[in-house]
Structure formats: structure tokens, C-alpha cells
Amino acid sequence: MPPIPGQSPDGDKILVDRKMFRTVFSLLLSSLDELNYARHREVFLDSLNTFLTEPSFLDGDQCFQASLLLDAYYEYVPASLSSVRSNLEQALELMRVER
């Protein structure tokens, strides 16, 4: 049986051109960066949330400002994770080899 196009004769490796490799590698690195940033934001959000549960540290105006900051971060993190999903799906589609 002849090998699949883009696959080595022994079937254990696939061959990709340099442009596709760079594209997929870039998508994966971008996804890792976004996951790392999201994790850092998650730590910050947990800390801020804990701080907000201790209202004796903040007056009403400061509590409101901290709450706005918390809302802004909660809006950003899901969007960044959506970007990660899109990048990973695109990378997977580029690397898909028909069998």
C-alpha cells in the first residue's frame, strides 16, 4: 500500500512544509501565552475576590472600583480562552492528515 501524501514511507512520521510548521508553531505558542496570562489573571481574580469579601478594608467607593476591576477581568478571560480554542482548532485542522 503506498504511503499517504505527506507521510513517511514507514508511516510513523508526517512531512510538513516550513510555512505550515511555522503557522502551527505560532498558533500553539500563542495559545500557550494566552493560557499563561489567563492563569495569572485567575490568581489575581481569586485574590481580589477574597479581598472584596473583607469589606472592612475598603470604603464604599473603593469597593465599587475594585468590583469594576473584577468585572473587567471576568470579561477578558473567557474571550482569551475562546481565542485559545480557535487557535488550537486551526492548528489541528492544518495538521489533519487524511487517511
N, C-alpha and C. Protein backbone atom coordinates (compact mmCIF):
# COMPACT_ATOMS: atom_id res chain seq x y z
N MET A 1 0.84 -1.17 0.00
CA MET A 1 0.00 0.00 0.00
C MET A 1 0.89 1.25 0.00
N PRO A 2 0.67 2.18 -0.91
CA PRO A 2 1.51 3.37 -0.97
C PRO A 2 1.26 4.28 0.23
N PRO A 3 2.28 5.06 0.63
CA PRO A 3 2.10 5.94 1.78
C PRO A 3 1.13 7.08 1.48
N ILE A 4 0.53 7.60 2.53
CA ILE A 4 -0.38 8.75 2.43
C ILE A 4 0.46 9.97 2.07
N PRO A 5 -0.04 10.84 1.16
CA PRO A 5 0.72 12.04 0.85
C PRO A 5 1.05 12.83 2.12
N GLY A 6 2.32 13.24 2.24
CA GLY A 6 2.76 13.97 3.42
C GLY A 6 3.19 13.07 4.56
N GLN A 7 3.13 11.75 4.32
CA GLN A 7 3.50 10.80 5.37
C GLN A 7 4.75 10.04 4.91
N SER A 8 5.63 9.72 5.86
CA SER A 8 6.84 8.99 5.52
C SER A 8 6.48 7.57 5.11
N PRO A 9 7.36 6.92 4.35
CA PRO A 9 7.06 5.55 3.89
C PRO A 9 6.80 4.57 5.01
N ASP A 10 7.45 4.75 6.17
CA ASP A 10 7.20 3.80 7.27
C ASP A 10 5.94 4.14 8.06
N GLY A 11 5.31 5.28 7.77
CA GLY A 11 4.03 5.64 8.37
C GLY A 11 4.10 6.24 9.75
N ASP A 12 5.30 6.39 10.32
CA ASP A 12 5.43 6.92 11.68
C ASP A 12 5.60 8.42 11.74
N LYS A 13 5.87 9.04 10.62
CA LYS A 13 6.12 10.48 10.60
C LYS A 13 5.30 11.12 9.49
N ILE A 14 5.00 12.40 9.70
CA ILE A 14 4.37 13.16 8.64
C ILE A 14 5.33 14.26 8.22
N LEU A 15 5.23 14.67 6.98
CA LEU A 15 6.08 15.72 6.46
C LEU A 15 5.23 16.96 6.25
N VAL A 16 5.72 18.09 6.72
CA VAL A 16 5.02 19.35 6.53
C VAL A 16 6.01 20.36 5.97
N ASP A 17 5.49 21.28 5.18
CA ASP A 17 6.38 22.31 4.67
C ASP A 17 6.68 23.32 5.78
N ARG A 18 7.72 24.09 5.57
CA ARG A 18 8.20 25.04 6.56
C ARG A 18 7.15 26.08 6.92
N LYS A 19 6.40 26.55 5.92
CA LYS A 19 5.38 27.57 6.17
C LYS A 19 4.29 27.03 7.10
N MET A 20 3.82 25.80 6.85
CA MET A 20 2.79 25.21 7.71
C MET A 20 3.33 24.99 9.12
N PHE A 21 4.57 24.52 9.20
CA PHE A 21 5.16 24.29 10.53
C PHE A 21 5.21 25.59 11.32
N ARG A 22 5.66 26.66 10.68
CA ARG A 22 5.73 27.96 11.36
C ARG A 22 4.35 28.45 11.78
N THR A 23 3.36 28.25 10.93
CA THR A 23 2.00 28.67 11.25
C THR A 23 1.47 27.90 12.46
N VAL A 24 1.60 26.59 12.43
CA VAL A 24 1.11 25.75 13.52
C VAL A 24 1.88 26.06 14.81
N PHE A 25 3.19 26.20 14.69
CA PHE A 25 4.01 26.51 15.86
C PHE A 25 3.61 27.85 16.46
N SER A 26 3.37 28.84 15.61
CA SER A 26 2.93 30.15 16.07
C SER A 26 1.59 30.08 16.78
N LEU A 27 0.65 29.32 16.23
CA LEU A 27 -0.67 29.15 16.85
C LEU A 27 -0.54 28.50 18.23
N LEU A 28 0.31 27.49 18.33
CA LEU A 28 0.50 26.80 19.60
C LEU A 28 1.16 27.72 20.64
N LEU A 29 2.17 28.46 20.23
CA LEU A 29 2.82 29.39 21.16
C LEU A 29 1.85 30.48 21.63
N SER A 30 1.06 30.98 20.71
CA SER A 30 0.07 31.99 21.06
C SER A 30 -0.93 31.43 22.07
N SER A 31 -1.34 30.20 21.87
CA SER A 31 -2.27 29.56 22.80
C SER A 31 -1.65 29.38 24.17
N LEU A 32 -0.40 28.96 24.21
CA LEU A 32 0.28 28.81 25.50
C LEU A 32 0.39 30.14 26.23
N ASP A 33 0.71 31.19 25.49
CA ASP A 33 0.79 32.51 26.11
C ASP A 33 -0.55 32.93 26.69
N GLU A 34 -1.62 32.74 25.92
CA GLU A 34 -2.95 33.12 26.41
C GLU A 34 -3.35 32.32 27.64
N LEU A 35 -3.03 31.02 27.64
CA LEU A 35 -3.34 30.20 28.82
C LEU A 35 -2.54 30.67 30.04
N ASN A 36 -1.29 31.02 29.81
CA ASN A 36 -0.47 31.52 30.91
C ASN A 36 -1.03 32.83 31.46
N TYR A 37 -1.41 33.75 30.57
CA TYR A 37 -1.98 35.02 31.01
C TYR A 37 -3.30 34.79 31.74
N ALA A 38 -4.11 33.88 31.22
CA ALA A 38 -5.40 33.59 31.86
C ALA A 38 -5.18 33.03 33.26
N ARG A 39 -4.18 32.20 33.42
CA ARG A 39 -3.89 31.62 34.74
C ARG A 39 -3.47 32.71 35.72
N HIS A 40 -2.62 33.63 35.25
CA HIS A 40 -2.19 34.73 36.12
C HIS A 40 -3.40 35.59 36.50
N ARG A 41 -4.28 35.81 35.55
CA ARG A 41 -5.48 36.61 35.85
C ARG A 41 -6.38 35.88 36.83
N GLU A 42 -6.44 34.55 36.71
CA GLU A 42 -7.27 33.77 37.62
C GLU A 42 -6.76 33.91 39.05
N VAL A 43 -5.45 33.89 39.24
CA VAL A 43 -4.87 34.07 40.57
C VAL A 43 -5.23 35.46 41.09
N PHE A 44 -5.09 36.47 40.22
CA PHE A 44 -5.45 37.83 40.61
C PHE A 44 -6.92 37.93 40.98
N LEU A 45 -7.79 37.31 40.18
CA LEU A 45 -9.23 37.37 40.45
C LEU A 45 -9.57 36.71 41.77
N ASP A 46 -8.95 35.58 42.05
CA ASP A 46 -9.21 34.91 43.33
C ASP A 46 -8.78 35.79 44.50
N SER A 47 -7.61 36.42 44.36
CA SER A 47 -7.12 37.30 45.43
C SER A 47 -8.04 38.51 45.61
N LEU A 48 -8.43 39.11 44.49
CA LEU A 48 -9.32 40.27 44.57
C LEU A 48 -10.67 39.89 45.16
N ASN A 49 -11.19 38.76 44.76
CA ASN A 49 -12.47 38.29 45.27
C ASN A 49 -12.39 38.07 46.79
N THR A 50 -11.28 37.47 47.25
CA THR A 50 -11.08 37.27 48.69
C THR A 50 -11.00 38.61 49.40
N PHE A 51 -10.27 39.56 48.81
CA PHE A 51 -10.13 40.89 49.41
C PHE A 51 -11.47 41.60 49.49
N LEU A 52 -12.30 41.41 48.46
CA LEU A 52 -13.61 42.08 48.45
C LEU A 52 -14.57 41.50 49.48
N THR A 53 -14.33 40.27 49.90
CA THR A 53 -15.20 39.68 50.91
C THR A 53 -14.90 40.21 52.31
N GLU A 54 -13.80 40.97 52.43
CA GLU A 54 -13.43 41.62 53.69
C GLU A 54 -13.70 43.11 53.54
N PRO A 55 -14.96 43.53 53.60
CA PRO A 55 -15.29 44.94 53.31
C PRO A 55 -14.71 45.94 54.30
N SER A 56 -14.19 45.49 55.42
CA SER A 56 -13.64 46.45 56.39
C SER A 56 -12.39 47.13 55.85
N PHE A 57 -11.73 46.54 54.84
CA PHE A 57 -10.53 47.14 54.27
C PHE A 57 -10.85 48.26 53.29
N LEU A 58 -12.04 48.28 52.73
CA LEU A 58 -12.38 49.23 51.68
C LEU A 58 -13.59 50.07 52.08
N ASP A 59 -13.56 51.33 51.67
CA ASP A 59 -14.78 52.12 51.83
C ASP A 59 -15.67 51.84 50.62
N GLY A 60 -16.86 52.43 50.59
CA GLY A 60 -17.83 52.15 49.53
C GLY A 60 -17.31 52.44 48.14
N ASP A 61 -16.61 53.57 47.94
CA ASP A 61 -16.10 53.94 46.64
C ASP A 61 -14.99 52.99 46.18
N GLN A 62 -14.09 52.64 47.09
CA GLN A 62 -13.01 51.72 46.75
C GLN A 62 -13.55 50.33 46.42
N CYS A 63 -14.56 49.92 47.15
CA CYS A 63 -15.18 48.62 46.89
C CYS A 63 -15.82 48.61 45.51
N PHE A 64 -16.47 49.71 45.14
CA PHE A 64 -17.09 49.83 43.82
C PHE A 64 -16.03 49.77 42.73
N GLN A 65 -14.92 50.49 42.91
CA GLN A 65 -13.84 50.48 41.92
C GLN A 65 -13.23 49.08 41.78
N ALA A 66 -13.02 48.42 42.89
CA ALA A 66 -12.47 47.06 42.85
C ALA A 66 -13.44 46.11 42.16
N SER A 67 -14.72 46.31 42.40
CA SER A 67 -15.74 45.49 41.75
C SER A 67 -15.74 45.70 40.24
N LEU A 68 -15.56 46.95 39.80
CA LEU A 68 -15.47 47.23 38.35
C LEU A 68 -14.25 46.55 37.74
N LEU A 69 -13.13 46.58 38.47
CA LEU A 69 -11.92 45.92 38.00
C LEU A 69 -12.15 44.41 37.88
N LEU A 70 -12.79 43.85 38.87
CA LEU A 70 -13.09 42.42 38.84
C LEU A 70 -13.97 42.07 37.65
N ASP A 71 -14.99 42.87 37.39
CA ASP A 71 -15.87 42.64 36.24
C ASP A 71 -15.10 42.71 34.92
N ALA A 72 -14.19 43.68 34.81
CA ALA A 72 -13.41 43.83 33.58
C ALA A 72 -12.55 42.60 33.32
N TYR A 73 -11.93 42.08 34.38
CA TYR A 73 -11.12 40.88 34.20
C TYR A 73 -11.96 39.67 33.85
N TYR A 74 -13.13 39.54 34.46
CA TYR A 74 -14.01 38.41 34.14
C TYR A 74 -14.49 38.48 32.69
N GLU A 75 -14.59 39.68 32.13
CA GLU A 75 -14.97 39.80 30.73
C GLU A 75 -13.83 39.39 29.82
N TYR A 76 -12.60 39.65 30.23
CA TYR A 76 -11.45 39.38 29.37
C TYR A 76 -11.09 37.90 29.31
N VAL A 77 -11.05 37.23 30.44
CA VAL A 77 -10.56 35.85 30.49
C VAL A 77 -11.35 34.90 29.58
N PRO A 78 -12.68 34.88 29.61
CA PRO A 78 -13.39 33.98 28.69
C PRO A 78 -13.09 34.28 27.22
N ALA A 79 -12.92 35.55 26.86
CA ALA A 79 -12.61 35.90 25.47
C ALA A 79 -11.23 35.37 25.09
N SER A 80 -10.27 35.48 26.01
CA SER A 80 -8.93 34.98 25.70
C SER A 80 -8.93 33.46 25.57
N LEU A 81 -9.72 32.78 26.39
CA LEU A 81 -9.81 31.33 26.28
C LEU A 81 -10.52 30.91 25.00
N SER A 82 -11.45 31.72 24.53
CA SER A 82 -12.08 31.47 23.25
C SER A 82 -11.06 31.58 22.12
N SER A 83 -10.15 32.53 22.24
CA SER A 83 -9.08 32.71 21.27
C SER A 83 -8.17 31.48 21.26
N VAL A 84 -7.87 30.94 22.43
CA VAL A 84 -7.05 29.73 22.54
C VAL A 84 -7.74 28.58 21.81
N ARG A 85 -9.02 28.43 22.05
CA ARG A 85 -9.77 27.35 21.39
C ARG A 85 -9.71 27.49 19.88
N SER A 86 -9.91 28.70 19.39
CA SER A 86 -9.87 28.95 17.95
C SER A 86 -8.49 28.63 17.38
N ASN A 87 -7.43 29.07 18.08
CA ASN A 87 -6.07 28.80 17.61
C ASN A 87 -5.77 27.31 17.56
N LEU A 88 -6.18 26.59 18.59
CA LEU A 88 -5.91 25.15 18.64
C LEU A 88 -6.71 24.40 17.58
N GLU A 89 -7.94 24.82 17.35
CA GLU A 89 -8.74 24.18 16.29
C GLU A 89 -8.11 24.43 14.92
N GLN A 90 -7.62 25.65 14.71
CA GLN A 90 -6.98 25.98 13.44
C GLN A 90 -5.69 25.16 13.26
N ALA A 91 -4.91 25.04 14.31
CA ALA A 91 -3.68 24.24 14.24
C ALA A 91 -4.00 22.78 13.95
N LEU A 92 -5.03 22.26 14.61
CA LEU A 92 -5.43 20.87 14.38
C LEU A 92 -5.88 20.67 12.94
N GLU A 93 -6.64 21.60 12.41
CA GLU A 93 -7.12 21.49 11.03
C GLU A 93 -5.95 21.53 10.05
N LEU A 94 -4.96 22.35 10.31
CA LEU A 94 -3.80 22.42 9.43
C LEU A 94 -3.00 21.14 9.45
N MET A 95 -2.96 20.48 10.61
CA MET A 95 -2.15 19.26 10.74
C MET A 95 -2.92 17.98 10.41
N ARG A 96 -4.20 18.11 10.14
CA ARG A 96 -5.02 16.93 9.86
C ARG A 96 -4.52 16.25 8.60
N VAL A 97 -4.28 14.96 8.68
CA VAL A 97 -3.85 14.17 7.54
C VAL A 97 -4.97 13.20 7.22
N GLU A 98 -5.42 13.24 5.99
CA GLU A 98 -6.50 12.34 5.59
C GLU A 98 -5.95 10.92 5.51
N ARG A 99 -6.73 10.00 6.00
CA ARG A 99 -6.32 8.57 5.97
C ARG A 99 -7.24 7.80 5.08
